[in-house]
Amino acid sequence: MEQKTGFFEEAPGIKSSTRLNSFLLLLFFMVFNVLWIKTDGNGINGNLIIIDIIMLIAIFVPKYLHKIAEKALEIKDLKIK
């Protein structure tokens, strides 16, 4: 019977703290935007867009780099064998 990979797992049974971290930071990002729009009289402005771009990069780049490192190790293992 094939096991399914869970939402916060890299592989069946292997938990991923990077995925959990990205998810929590994304929740913070959404709350931050709602509070910014409600408290700032201008609503969505250039400052919010710049902050959003920086925050999205900070949230998802670590996961992307993690995947690149995993692939590099897989390729290195294949070359050694």
N, C-alpha and C. Protein backbone atom coordinates (compact mmCIF):
# COMPACT_ATOMS: atom_id res chain seq x y z
N MET A 1 0.84 -1.18 0.00
CA MET A 1 0.00 0.00 0.00
C MET A 1 0.89 1.25 0.00
N GLU A 2 0.59 2.16 -0.88
CA GLU A 2 1.40 3.36 -1.03
C GLU A 2 0.98 4.43 -0.01
N GLN A 3 1.98 4.96 0.71
CA GLN A 3 1.69 6.01 1.67
C GLN A 3 1.65 7.36 0.96
N LYS A 4 0.76 8.21 1.41
CA LYS A 4 0.66 9.54 0.82
C LYS A 4 1.49 10.53 1.64
N THR A 5 2.06 11.49 0.95
CA THR A 5 2.85 12.52 1.60
C THR A 5 1.91 13.55 2.21
N GLY A 6 2.12 13.89 3.48
CA GLY A 6 1.30 14.88 4.15
C GLY A 6 1.65 16.30 3.73
N PHE A 7 0.87 17.25 4.20
CA PHE A 7 1.03 18.65 3.80
C PHE A 7 2.37 19.22 4.23
N PHE A 8 2.84 18.89 5.42
CA PHE A 8 4.10 19.42 5.93
C PHE A 8 5.21 18.36 5.89
N GLU A 9 5.15 17.45 4.92
CA GLU A 9 6.14 16.38 4.82
C GLU A 9 6.89 16.47 3.49
N GLU A 10 8.17 16.16 3.53
CA GLU A 10 8.97 16.07 2.30
C GLU A 10 8.69 14.74 1.60
N ALA A 11 8.62 13.70 2.38
CA ALA A 11 8.31 12.35 1.91
C ALA A 11 7.43 11.73 2.99
N PRO A 12 6.74 10.63 2.70
CA PRO A 12 5.89 10.03 3.71
C PRO A 12 6.62 9.78 5.03
N GLY A 13 6.15 10.39 6.09
CA GLY A 13 6.73 10.20 7.42
C GLY A 13 7.89 11.13 7.75
N ILE A 14 8.36 11.94 6.80
CA ILE A 14 9.49 12.85 7.04
C ILE A 14 8.96 14.27 7.10
N LYS A 15 8.91 14.83 8.30
CA LYS A 15 8.38 16.19 8.51
C LYS A 15 9.34 17.23 7.95
N SER A 16 8.78 18.36 7.49
CA SER A 16 9.58 19.42 6.91
C SER A 16 9.37 20.71 7.70
N SER A 17 10.39 21.14 8.42
CA SER A 17 10.30 22.39 9.16
C SER A 17 10.32 23.59 8.21
N THR A 18 10.93 23.43 7.04
CA THR A 18 10.96 24.52 6.07
C THR A 18 9.56 24.81 5.55
N ARG A 19 8.80 23.75 5.28
CA ARG A 19 7.42 23.95 4.82
C ARG A 19 6.56 24.58 5.91
N LEU A 20 6.73 24.12 7.14
CA LEU A 20 5.98 24.70 8.25
C LEU A 20 6.34 26.17 8.44
N ASN A 21 7.61 26.49 8.37
CA ASN A 21 8.07 27.87 8.51
C ASN A 21 7.47 28.75 7.40
N SER A 22 7.49 28.27 6.17
CA SER A 22 6.92 29.04 5.05
C SER A 22 5.43 29.27 5.25
N PHE A 23 4.73 28.25 5.73
CA PHE A 23 3.30 28.38 5.96
C PHE A 23 3.00 29.41 7.05
N LEU A 24 3.73 29.35 8.15
CA LEU A 24 3.51 30.31 9.24
C LEU A 24 3.84 31.74 8.80
N LEU A 25 4.92 31.89 8.06
CA LEU A 25 5.27 33.22 7.57
C LEU A 25 4.24 33.74 6.57
N LEU A 26 3.65 32.86 5.77
CA LEU A 26 2.61 33.28 4.85
C LEU A 26 1.36 33.73 5.61
N LEU A 27 1.02 33.05 6.69
CA LEU A 27 -0.10 33.50 7.53
C LEU A 27 0.19 34.88 8.12
N PHE A 28 1.42 35.07 8.63
CA PHE A 28 1.81 36.38 9.15
C PHE A 28 1.70 37.43 8.06
N PHE A 29 2.13 37.11 6.86
CA PHE A 29 2.08 38.01 5.71
C PHE A 29 0.65 38.47 5.45
N MET A 30 -0.30 37.53 5.47
CA MET A 30 -1.70 37.88 5.22
C MET A 30 -2.26 38.78 6.32
N VAL A 31 -1.94 38.46 7.57
CA VAL A 31 -2.41 39.29 8.69
C VAL A 31 -1.80 40.69 8.60
N PHE A 32 -0.51 40.76 8.27
CA PHE A 32 0.18 42.04 8.12
C PHE A 32 -0.51 42.91 7.07
N ASN A 33 -0.86 42.30 5.92
CA ASN A 33 -1.52 43.06 4.86
C ASN A 33 -2.89 43.57 5.27
N VAL A 34 -3.65 42.73 5.95
CA VAL A 34 -4.98 43.16 6.41
C VAL A 34 -4.85 44.32 7.39
N LEU A 35 -3.92 44.20 8.34
CA LEU A 35 -3.74 45.28 9.31
C LEU A 35 -3.23 46.56 8.64
N TRP A 36 -2.32 46.43 7.67
CA TRP A 36 -1.79 47.60 6.96
C TRP A 36 -2.92 48.34 6.24
N ILE A 37 -3.76 47.58 5.53
CA ILE A 37 -4.83 48.19 4.74
C ILE A 37 -5.87 48.82 5.65
N LYS A 38 -6.18 48.18 6.78
CA LYS A 38 -7.19 48.74 7.69
C LYS A 38 -6.70 49.96 8.45
N THR A 39 -5.41 49.97 8.84
CA THR A 39 -4.92 51.08 9.66
C THR A 39 -4.37 52.23 8.83
N ASP A 40 -3.90 51.97 7.63
CA ASP A 40 -3.35 53.02 6.78
C ASP A 40 -4.50 53.66 6.01
N GLY A 41 -4.55 54.98 6.03
CA GLY A 41 -5.63 55.68 5.34
C GLY A 41 -5.55 55.56 3.83
N ASN A 42 -4.37 55.30 3.28
CA ASN A 42 -4.22 55.23 1.83
C ASN A 42 -4.56 53.86 1.26
N GLY A 43 -4.71 52.86 2.10
CA GLY A 43 -4.99 51.50 1.62
C GLY A 43 -3.75 50.89 0.98
N ILE A 44 -3.93 50.37 -0.23
CA ILE A 44 -2.81 49.73 -0.93
C ILE A 44 -2.03 50.83 -1.65
N ASN A 45 -0.76 50.97 -1.29
CA ASN A 45 0.08 51.97 -1.93
C ASN A 45 1.43 51.36 -2.31
N GLY A 46 2.31 52.17 -2.84
CA GLY A 46 3.61 51.68 -3.29
C GLY A 46 4.44 51.07 -2.18
N ASN A 47 4.37 51.65 -0.99
CA ASN A 47 5.14 51.10 0.14
C ASN A 47 4.70 49.68 0.48
N LEU A 48 3.41 49.45 0.48
CA LEU A 48 2.90 48.10 0.78
C LEU A 48 3.35 47.11 -0.28
N ILE A 49 3.31 47.51 -1.54
CA ILE A 49 3.71 46.61 -2.62
C ILE A 49 5.18 46.24 -2.49
N ILE A 50 6.04 47.22 -2.20
CA ILE A 50 7.47 46.94 -2.03
C ILE A 50 7.70 46.01 -0.84
N ILE A 51 7.04 46.29 0.28
CA ILE A 51 7.18 45.44 1.47
C ILE A 51 6.68 44.02 1.16
N ASP A 52 5.57 43.92 0.42
CA ASP A 52 5.02 42.60 0.06
C ASP A 52 6.00 41.80 -0.80
N ILE A 53 6.62 42.46 -1.77
CA ILE A 53 7.58 41.76 -2.62
C ILE A 53 8.74 41.24 -1.79
N ILE A 54 9.27 42.08 -0.91
CA ILE A 54 10.39 41.66 -0.06
C ILE A 54 9.98 40.51 0.86
N MET A 55 8.79 40.60 1.44
CA MET A 55 8.34 39.55 2.35
C MET A 55 8.11 38.23 1.61
N LEU A 56 7.53 38.27 0.42
CA LEU A 56 7.29 37.04 -0.34
C LEU A 56 8.60 36.38 -0.74
N ILE A 57 9.58 37.19 -1.11
CA ILE A 57 10.90 36.63 -1.43
C ILE A 57 11.50 35.99 -0.18
N ALA A 58 11.40 36.67 0.95
CA ALA A 58 11.96 36.13 2.20
C ALA A 58 11.24 34.85 2.64
N ILE A 59 9.97 34.72 2.32
CA ILE A 59 9.22 33.54 2.73
C ILE A 59 9.57 32.32 1.87
N PHE A 60 9.66 32.50 0.56
CA PHE A 60 9.75 31.34 -0.32
C PHE A 60 11.14 31.02 -0.85
N VAL A 61 12.09 31.92 -0.77
CA VAL A 61 13.44 31.62 -1.24
C VAL A 61 14.10 30.51 -0.43
N PRO A 62 13.97 30.46 0.89
CA PRO A 62 14.60 29.35 1.62
C PRO A 62 14.12 27.97 1.15
N LYS A 63 12.84 27.83 0.87
CA LYS A 63 12.32 26.54 0.39
C LYS A 63 12.89 26.22 -0.98
N TYR A 64 12.99 27.21 -1.84
CA TYR A 64 13.55 27.01 -3.17
C TYR A 64 15.02 26.60 -3.09
N LEU A 65 15.78 27.27 -2.24
CA LEU A 65 17.19 26.92 -2.07
C LEU A 65 17.35 25.52 -1.49
N HIS A 66 16.44 25.14 -0.60
CA HIS A 66 16.44 23.80 -0.02
C HIS A 66 16.25 22.75 -1.12
N LYS A 67 15.32 22.99 -2.03
CA LYS A 67 15.09 22.06 -3.13
C LYS A 67 16.31 21.98 -4.05
N ILE A 68 16.94 23.12 -4.34
CA ILE A 68 18.14 23.12 -5.18
C ILE A 68 19.25 22.31 -4.52
N ALA A 69 19.44 22.48 -3.22
CA ALA A 69 20.47 21.73 -2.50
C ALA A 69 20.18 20.24 -2.53
N GLU A 70 18.91 19.85 -2.37
CA GLU A 70 18.55 18.43 -2.44
C GLU A 70 18.86 17.85 -3.82
N LYS A 71 18.50 18.58 -4.86
CA LYS A 71 18.75 18.10 -6.22
C LYS A 71 20.25 17.99 -6.48
N ALA A 72 21.02 18.95 -5.99
CA ALA A 72 22.48 18.91 -6.18
C ALA A 72 23.07 17.68 -5.50
N LEU A 73 22.58 17.36 -4.31
CA LEU A 73 23.07 16.16 -3.62
C LEU A 73 22.67 14.89 -4.36
N GLU A 74 21.46 14.87 -4.93
CA GLU A 74 21.04 13.70 -5.70
C GLU A 74 21.92 13.51 -6.93
N ILE A 75 22.22 14.60 -7.62
CA ILE A 75 23.07 14.53 -8.80
C ILE A 75 24.48 14.09 -8.41
N LYS A 76 24.98 14.63 -7.31
CA LYS A 76 26.32 14.26 -6.85
C LYS A 76 26.37 12.77 -6.50
N ASP A 77 25.33 12.26 -5.84
CA ASP A 77 25.26 10.84 -5.50
C ASP A 77 25.22 9.97 -6.76
N LEU A 78 24.52 10.43 -7.79
CA LEU A 78 24.44 9.66 -9.02
C LEU A 78 25.79 9.61 -9.74
N LYS A 79 26.52 10.71 -9.69
CA LYS A 79 27.83 10.75 -10.34
C LYS A 79 28.86 9.87 -9.63
N ILE A 80 28.74 9.77 -8.30
CA ILE A 80 29.68 8.95 -7.53
C ILE A 80 29.45 7.47 -7.82
N LYS A 81 28.22 7.06 -7.98
CA LYS A 81 27.90 5.64 -8.20
C LYS A 81 28.27 5.24 -9.56
